[in-house]
PDB file of all heavy atoms in Angstrom:
ATOM      1  N   THR A   1       9.020 -15.935  -8.898  1.00  0.00           N
ATOM      2  CA  THR A   1       9.635 -15.322  -9.884  1.00  0.00           C
ATOM      3  C   THR A   1       9.578 -13.858  -9.873  1.00  0.00           C
ATOM      4  O   THR A   1      10.376 -13.026 -10.346  1.00  0.00           O
ATOM      5  CB  THR A   1       8.974 -15.733 -11.397  1.00  0.00           C
ATOM      6  OG1 THR A   1       7.764 -15.441 -11.362  1.00  0.00           O
ATOM      7  CG2 THR A   1       9.355 -17.231 -11.604  1.00  0.00           C
ATOM      8  N   SER A   2       8.492 -13.274  -9.183  1.00  0.00           N
ATOM      9  CA  SER A   2       8.380 -11.778  -8.982  1.00  0.00           C
ATOM     10  C   SER A   2       9.544 -11.299  -8.244  1.00  0.00           C
ATOM     11  O   SER A   2      10.138 -10.219  -8.564  1.00  0.00           O
ATOM     12  CB  SER A   2       7.135 -11.456  -8.174  1.00  0.00           C
ATOM     13  OG  SER A   2       5.931 -11.922  -8.944  1.00  0.00           O
ATOM     14  N   CYS A   3      10.006 -11.986  -7.125  1.00  0.00           N
ATOM     15  CA  CYS A   3      11.243 -11.531  -6.364  1.00  0.00           C
ATOM     16  C   CYS A   3      12.422 -11.670  -7.104  1.00  0.00           C
ATOM     17  O   CYS A   3      13.339 -10.762  -7.091  1.00  0.00           O
ATOM     18  CB  CYS A   3      11.254 -12.462  -5.098  1.00  0.00           C
ATOM     19  SG  CYS A   3      10.255 -11.776  -3.773  1.00  0.00           S
ATOM     20  N   LYS A   4      12.574 -12.744  -7.993  1.00  0.00           N
ATOM     21  CA  LYS A   4      13.727 -12.881  -8.754  1.00  0.00           C
ATOM     22  C   LYS A   4      13.792 -11.818  -9.728  1.00  0.00           C
ATOM     23  O   LYS A   4      14.917 -11.110  -9.935  1.00  0.00           O
ATOM     24  CB  LYS A   4      13.707 -14.255  -9.513  1.00  0.00           C
ATOM     25  CG  LYS A   4      14.810 -14.338 -10.377  1.00  0.00           C
ATOM     26  CD  LYS A   4      14.649 -15.669 -11.200  1.00  0.00           C
ATOM     27  CE  LYS A   4      15.826 -16.062 -12.129  1.00  0.00           C
ATOM     28  NZ  LYS A   4      15.885 -15.229 -13.300  1.00  0.00           N
ATOM     29  N   GLU A   5      12.697 -11.393 -10.535  1.00  0.00           N
ATOM     30  CA  GLU A   5      12.835 -10.425 -11.590  1.00  0.00           C
ATOM     31  C   GLU A   5      12.972  -9.065 -10.823  1.00  0.00           C
ATOM     32  O   GLU A   5      13.649  -8.037 -11.474  1.00  0.00           O
ATOM     33  CB  GLU A   5      11.386 -10.504 -12.340  1.00  0.00           C
ATOM     34  CG  GLU A   5      11.283 -11.723 -13.132  1.00  0.00           C
ATOM     35  CD  GLU A   5      10.020 -11.946 -13.894  1.00  0.00           C
ATOM     36  OE1 GLU A   5       9.209 -11.036 -13.564  1.00  0.00           O
ATOM     37  OE2 GLU A   5      10.059 -12.858 -14.586  1.00  0.00           O
ATOM     38  N   PHE A   6      12.468  -8.687  -9.677  1.00  0.00           N
ATOM     39  CA  PHE A   6      12.726  -7.597  -9.187  1.00  0.00           C
ATOM     40  C   PHE A   6      14.156  -7.331  -8.711  1.00  0.00           C
ATOM     41  O   PHE A   6      14.693  -6.292  -8.936  1.00  0.00           O
ATOM     42  CB  PHE A   6      11.831  -7.424  -7.757  1.00  0.00           C
ATOM     43  CG  PHE A   6      12.206  -6.287  -6.877  1.00  0.00           C
ATOM     44  CD1 PHE A   6      11.673  -5.069  -7.174  1.00  0.00           C
ATOM     45  CD2 PHE A   6      13.217  -6.537  -5.907  1.00  0.00           C
ATOM     46  CE1 PHE A   6      12.144  -3.980  -6.325  1.00  0.00           C
ATOM     47  CE2 PHE A   6      13.580  -5.374  -5.189  1.00  0.00           C
ATOM     48  CZ  PHE A   6      13.044  -4.152  -5.409  1.00  0.00           C
ATOM     49  N   THR A   7      14.754  -8.435  -8.127  1.00  0.00           N
ATOM     50  CA  THR A   7      16.068  -8.328  -7.715  1.00  0.00           C
ATOM     51  C   THR A   7      17.005  -8.100  -9.007  1.00  0.00           C
ATOM     52  O   THR A   7      17.981  -7.195  -8.958  1.00  0.00           O
ATOM     53  CB  THR A   7      16.650  -9.648  -7.016  1.00  0.00           C
ATOM     54  OG1 THR A   7      15.748  -9.849  -5.840  1.00  0.00           O
ATOM     55  CG2 THR A   7      18.014  -9.524  -6.558  1.00  0.00           C
ATOM     56  N   GLU A   8      16.834  -8.763  -9.967  1.00  0.00           N
ATOM     57  CA  GLU A   8      17.536  -8.605 -11.288  1.00  0.00           C
ATOM     58  C   GLU A   8      17.349  -7.075 -11.792  1.00  0.00           C
ATOM     59  O   GLU A   8      18.435  -6.529 -12.196  1.00  0.00           O
ATOM     60  CB  GLU A   8      17.160  -9.534 -12.334  1.00  0.00           C
ATOM     61  CG  GLU A   8      17.524 -10.966 -12.088  1.00  0.00           C
ATOM     62  CD  GLU A   8      16.856 -12.025 -12.838  1.00  0.00           C
ATOM     63  OE1 GLU A   8      15.938 -11.657 -13.726  1.00  0.00           O
ATOM     64  OE2 GLU A   8      17.404 -13.192 -12.894  1.00  0.00           O
ATOM     65  N   ALA A   9      16.159  -6.586 -11.721  1.00  0.00           N
ATOM     66  CA  ALA A   9      15.933  -5.243 -12.273  1.00  0.00           C
ATOM     67  C   ALA A   9      16.707  -4.225 -11.289  1.00  0.00           C
ATOM     68  O   ALA A   9      17.200  -3.181 -11.664  1.00  0.00           O
ATOM     69  CB  ALA A   9      14.472  -4.913 -12.327  1.00  0.00           C
ATOM     70  N   ALA A  10      16.501  -4.501 -10.019  1.00  0.00           N
ATOM     71  CA  ALA A  10      17.217  -3.577  -8.980  1.00  0.00           C
ATOM     72  C   ALA A  10      18.669  -3.489  -9.186  1.00  0.00           C
ATOM     73  O   ALA A  10      19.282  -2.455  -9.084  1.00  0.00           O
ATOM     74  CB  ALA A  10      16.797  -3.921  -7.543  1.00  0.00           C
ATOM     75  N   VAL A  11      19.356  -4.738  -9.417  1.00  0.00           N
ATOM     76  CA  VAL A  11      20.829  -4.653  -9.681  1.00  0.00           C
ATOM     77  C   VAL A  11      21.198  -3.937 -11.020  1.00  0.00           C
ATOM     78  O   VAL A  11      22.117  -3.267 -10.949  1.00  0.00           O
ATOM     79  CB  VAL A  11      21.260  -6.223  -9.645  1.00  0.00           C
ATOM     80  CG1 VAL A  11      22.753  -6.279 -10.291  1.00  0.00           C
ATOM     81  CG2 VAL A  11      21.141  -6.745  -8.362  1.00  0.00           C
ATOM     82  N   ALA A  12      20.267  -4.153 -11.935  1.00  0.00           N
ATOM     83  CA  ALA A  12      20.544  -3.449 -13.216  1.00  0.00           C
ATOM     84  C   ALA A  12      20.477  -1.968 -13.060  1.00  0.00           C
ATOM     85  O   ALA A  12      21.369  -1.132 -13.547  1.00  0.00           O
ATOM     86  CB  ALA A  12      19.565  -3.887 -14.366  1.00  0.00           C
ATOM     87  N   VAL A  13      19.519  -1.405 -12.278  1.00  0.00           N
ATOM     88  CA  VAL A  13      19.318  -0.101 -12.057  1.00  0.00           C
ATOM     89  C   VAL A  13      20.354   0.455 -11.328  1.00  0.00           C
ATOM     90  O   VAL A  13      21.101   1.545 -11.429  1.00  0.00           O
ATOM     91  CB  VAL A  13      18.034   0.224 -11.396  1.00  0.00           C
ATOM     92  CG1 VAL A  13      17.936   1.618 -10.806  1.00  0.00           C
ATOM     93  CG2 VAL A  13      16.899   0.091 -12.371  1.00  0.00           C
ATOM     94  N   ALA A  14      20.903  -0.318 -10.227  1.00  0.00           N
ATOM     95  CA  ALA A  14      22.046   0.126  -9.313  1.00  0.00           C
ATOM     96  C   ALA A  14      23.345   0.275 -10.103  1.00  0.00           C
ATOM     97  O   ALA A  14      24.162   1.179  -9.860  1.00  0.00           O
ATOM     98  CB  ALA A  14      22.125  -0.801  -8.224  1.00  0.00           C
ATOM     99  N   ASP A  15      23.502  -0.551 -11.183  1.00  0.00           N
ATOM    100  CA  ASP A  15      24.713  -0.619 -11.922  1.00  0.00           C
ATOM    101  C   ASP A  15      24.659   0.465 -13.139  1.00  0.00           C
ATOM    102  O   ASP A  15      25.721   0.727 -13.657  1.00  0.00           O
ATOM    103  CB  ASP A  15      24.863  -1.951 -12.530  1.00  0.00           C
ATOM    104  CG  ASP A  15      25.360  -3.053 -11.589  1.00  0.00           C
ATOM    105  OD1 ASP A  15      25.932  -2.481 -10.482  1.00  0.00           O
ATOM    106  OD2 ASP A  15      25.410  -4.195 -11.861  1.00  0.00           O
ATOM    107  N   ALA A  16      23.579   1.020 -13.433  1.00  0.00           N
ATOM    108  CA  ALA A  16      23.409   1.943 -14.514  1.00  0.00           C
ATOM    109  C   ALA A  16      23.956   3.359 -14.173  1.00  0.00           C
ATOM    110  O   ALA A  16      23.737   3.780 -12.967  1.00  0.00           O
ATOM    111  CB  ALA A  16      21.883   2.056 -14.939  1.00  0.00           C
ATOM    112  N   PRO A  17      24.551   4.013 -15.035  1.00  0.00           N
ATOM    113  CA  PRO A  17      24.845   5.412 -14.847  1.00  0.00           C
ATOM    114  C   PRO A  17      23.696   6.323 -14.608  1.00  0.00           C
ATOM    115  O   PRO A  17      22.574   5.877 -15.106  1.00  0.00           O
ATOM    116  CB  PRO A  17      25.668   5.844 -16.051  1.00  0.00           C
ATOM    117  CG  PRO A  17      25.284   4.851 -17.122  1.00  0.00           C
ATOM    118  CD  PRO A  17      24.798   3.638 -16.412  1.00  0.00           C
ATOM    119  N   PHE A  18      23.821   7.360 -13.736  1.00  0.00           N
ATOM    120  CA  PHE A  18      22.517   8.158 -13.313  1.00  0.00           C
ATOM    121  C   PHE A  18      22.026   8.799 -14.719  1.00  0.00           C
ATOM    122  O   PHE A  18      22.699   9.307 -15.485  1.00  0.00           O
ATOM    123  CB  PHE A  18      22.971   9.228 -12.344  1.00  0.00           C
ATOM    124  CG  PHE A  18      21.861  10.082 -12.083  1.00  0.00           C
ATOM    125  CD1 PHE A  18      20.878   9.643 -11.188  1.00  0.00           C
ATOM    126  CD2 PHE A  18      21.671  11.336 -12.715  1.00  0.00           C
ATOM    127  CE1 PHE A  18      19.750  10.521 -10.943  1.00  0.00           C
ATOM    128  CE2 PHE A  18      20.649  12.134 -12.496  1.00  0.00           C
ATOM    129  CZ  PHE A  18      19.691  11.786 -11.563  1.00  0.00           C
ATOM    130  N   SER A  19      20.798   8.772 -14.726  1.00  0.00           N
ATOM    131  CA  SER A  19      19.886   9.535 -15.716  1.00  0.00           C
ATOM    132  C   SER A  19      18.540   9.717 -15.180  1.00  0.00           C
ATOM    133  O   SER A  19      18.263   9.109 -14.269  1.00  0.00           O
ATOM    134  CB  SER A  19      19.855   8.954 -17.107  1.00  0.00           C
ATOM    135  OG  SER A  19      18.991   7.659 -16.947  1.00  0.00           O
ATOM    136  N   PHE A  20      17.872  10.595 -15.684  1.00  0.00           N
ATOM    137  CA  PHE A  20      16.444  10.724 -15.154  1.00  0.00           C
ATOM    138  C   PHE A  20      15.537   9.557 -15.414  1.00  0.00           C
ATOM    139  O   PHE A  20      14.760   9.192 -14.616  1.00  0.00           O
ATOM    140  CB  PHE A  20      15.745  12.050 -15.770  1.00  0.00           C
ATOM    141  CG  PHE A  20      16.401  13.275 -15.248  1.00  0.00           C
ATOM    142  CD1 PHE A  20      17.113  14.080 -16.227  1.00  0.00           C
ATOM    143  CD2 PHE A  20      16.234  13.601 -14.042  1.00  0.00           C
ATOM    144  CE1 PHE A  20      17.707  15.311 -15.695  1.00  0.00           C
ATOM    145  CE2 PHE A  20      16.870  14.803 -13.530  1.00  0.00           C
ATOM    146  CZ  PHE A  20      17.680  15.565 -14.391  1.00  0.00           C
ATOM    147  N   ALA A  21      15.940   8.715 -16.441  1.00  0.00           N
ATOM    148  CA  ALA A  21      15.157   7.463 -16.863  1.00  0.00           C
ATOM    149  C   ALA A  21      15.541   6.499 -15.774  1.00  0.00           C
ATOM    150  O   ALA A  21      14.582   5.781 -15.189  1.00  0.00           O
ATOM    151  CB  ALA A  21      15.409   7.039 -18.236  1.00  0.00           C
ATOM    152  N   VAL A  22      16.710   6.524 -15.408  1.00  0.00           N
ATOM    153  CA  VAL A  22      17.155   5.463 -14.294  1.00  0.00           C
ATOM    154  C   VAL A  22      16.556   5.779 -12.979  1.00  0.00           C
ATOM    155  O   VAL A  22      16.026   5.002 -12.222  1.00  0.00           O
ATOM    156  CB  VAL A  22      18.744   5.410 -14.255  1.00  0.00           C
ATOM    157  CG1 VAL A  22      19.172   4.587 -12.928  1.00  0.00           C
ATOM    158  CG2 VAL A  22      19.091   4.748 -15.592  1.00  0.00           C
ATOM    159  N   GLU A  23      16.438   7.168 -12.692  1.00  0.00           N
ATOM    160  CA  GLU A  23      15.798   7.579 -11.447  1.00  0.00           C
ATOM    161  C   GLU A  23      14.356   7.215 -11.476  1.00  0.00           C
ATOM    162  O   GLU A  23      13.872   6.811 -10.375  1.00  0.00           O
ATOM    163  CB  GLU A  23      15.935   9.143 -11.334  1.00  0.00           C
ATOM    164  CG  GLU A  23      15.491   9.743 -10.085  1.00  0.00           C
ATOM    165  CD  GLU A  23      16.274   9.311  -8.799  1.00  0.00           C
ATOM    166  OE1 GLU A  23      17.405   8.839  -8.995  1.00  0.00           O
ATOM    167  OE2 GLU A  23      15.740   9.379  -7.793  1.00  0.00           O
ATOM    168  N   ARG A  24      13.672   7.373 -12.549  1.00  0.00           N
ATOM    169  CA  ARG A  24      12.169   7.083 -12.713  1.00  0.00           C
ATOM    170  C   ARG A  24      12.157   5.475 -12.348  1.00  0.00           C
ATOM    171  O   ARG A  24      11.076   5.044 -11.707  1.00  0.00           O
ATOM    172  CB  ARG A  24      11.569   7.409 -14.031  1.00  0.00           C
ATOM    173  CG  ARG A  24      11.215   8.808 -13.985  1.00  0.00           C
ATOM    174  CD  ARG A  24      10.422   9.181 -15.152  1.00  0.00           C
ATOM    175  NE  ARG A  24      10.972   8.776 -16.578  1.00  0.00           N
ATOM    176  CZ  ARG A  24      11.886   9.462 -17.244  1.00  0.00           C
ATOM    177  NH1 ARG A  24      12.247  10.669 -16.854  1.00  0.00           N
ATOM    178  NH2 ARG A  24      12.365   8.991 -18.317  1.00  0.00           N
ATOM    179  N   GLN A  25      12.988   4.677 -13.099  1.00  0.00           N
ATOM    180  CA  GLN A  25      13.045   3.280 -12.799  1.00  0.00           C
ATOM    181  C   GLN A  25      13.282   2.903 -11.415  1.00  0.00           C
ATOM    182  O   GLN A  25      12.584   2.008 -10.897  1.00  0.00           O
ATOM    183  CB  GLN A  25      14.010   2.568 -13.751  1.00  0.00           C
ATOM    184  CG  GLN A  25      14.050   1.114 -13.666  1.00  0.00           C
ATOM    185  CD  GLN A  25      12.916   0.497 -14.399  1.00  0.00           C
ATOM    186  OE1 GLN A  25      12.133   1.109 -15.175  1.00  0.00           O
ATOM    187  NE2 GLN A  25      12.692  -0.788 -14.061  1.00  0.00           N
ATOM    188  N   ALA A  26      14.061   3.618 -10.647  1.00  0.00           N
ATOM    189  CA  ALA A  26      14.361   3.310  -9.241  1.00  0.00           C
ATOM    190  C   ALA A  26      13.215   3.612  -8.487  1.00  0.00           C
ATOM    191  O   ALA A  26      12.789   2.943  -7.521  1.00  0.00           O
ATOM    192  CB  ALA A  26      15.603   4.065  -8.783  1.00  0.00           C
ATOM    193  N   GLU A  27      12.400   4.767  -8.754  1.00  0.00           N
ATOM    194  CA  GLU A  27      11.311   5.029  -7.985  1.00  0.00           C
ATOM    195  C   GLU A  27      10.169   4.045  -8.159  1.00  0.00           C
ATOM    196  O   GLU A  27       9.459   3.588  -7.317  1.00  0.00           O
ATOM    197  CB  GLU A  27      10.705   6.448  -8.280  1.00  0.00           C
ATOM    198  CG  GLU A  27      11.670   7.600  -7.921  1.00  0.00           C
ATOM    199  CD  GLU A  27      11.240   8.860  -8.386  1.00  0.00           C
ATOM    200  OE1 GLU A  27      10.114   8.955  -9.067  1.00  0.00           O
ATOM    201  OE2 GLU A  27      11.974   9.921  -8.184  1.00  0.00           O
ATOM    202  N   TRP A  28      10.090   3.503  -9.519  1.00  0.00           N
ATOM    203  CA  TRP A  28       9.123   2.506  -9.742  1.00  0.00           C
ATOM    204  C   TRP A  28       9.406   1.200  -9.126  1.00  0.00           C
ATOM    205  O   TRP A  28       8.431   0.567  -8.439  1.00  0.00           O
ATOM    206  CB  TRP A  28       9.037   2.300 -11.255  1.00  0.00           C
ATOM    207  CG  TRP A  28       8.119   1.270 -11.687  1.00  0.00           C
ATOM    208  CD1 TRP A  28       6.795   1.350 -11.918  1.00  0.00           C
ATOM    209  CD2 TRP A  28       8.321  -0.182 -12.007  1.00  0.00           C
ATOM    210  NE1 TRP A  28       6.202   0.151 -12.309  1.00  0.00           N
ATOM    211  CE2 TRP A  28       7.168  -0.799 -12.338  1.00  0.00           C
ATOM    212  CE3 TRP A  28       9.631  -0.840 -12.106  1.00  0.00           C
ATOM    213  CZ2 TRP A  28       7.067  -2.117 -12.630  1.00  0.00           C
ATOM    214  CZ3 TRP A  28       9.536  -2.275 -12.498  1.00  0.00           C
ATOM    215  CH2 TRP A  28       8.265  -2.778 -12.779  1.00  0.00           C
TER     216      TRP A  28
END
C-alpha cells in the first residue's frame, strides 16, 4: 500500500498547478 499511496500522491502533485506548496510536496 506504500507504493500505491506514493503513486497516487505523485500523480496528484504532477496534475496540480505550480505553487511553492506543490514544490515542497514534490521534494517530500
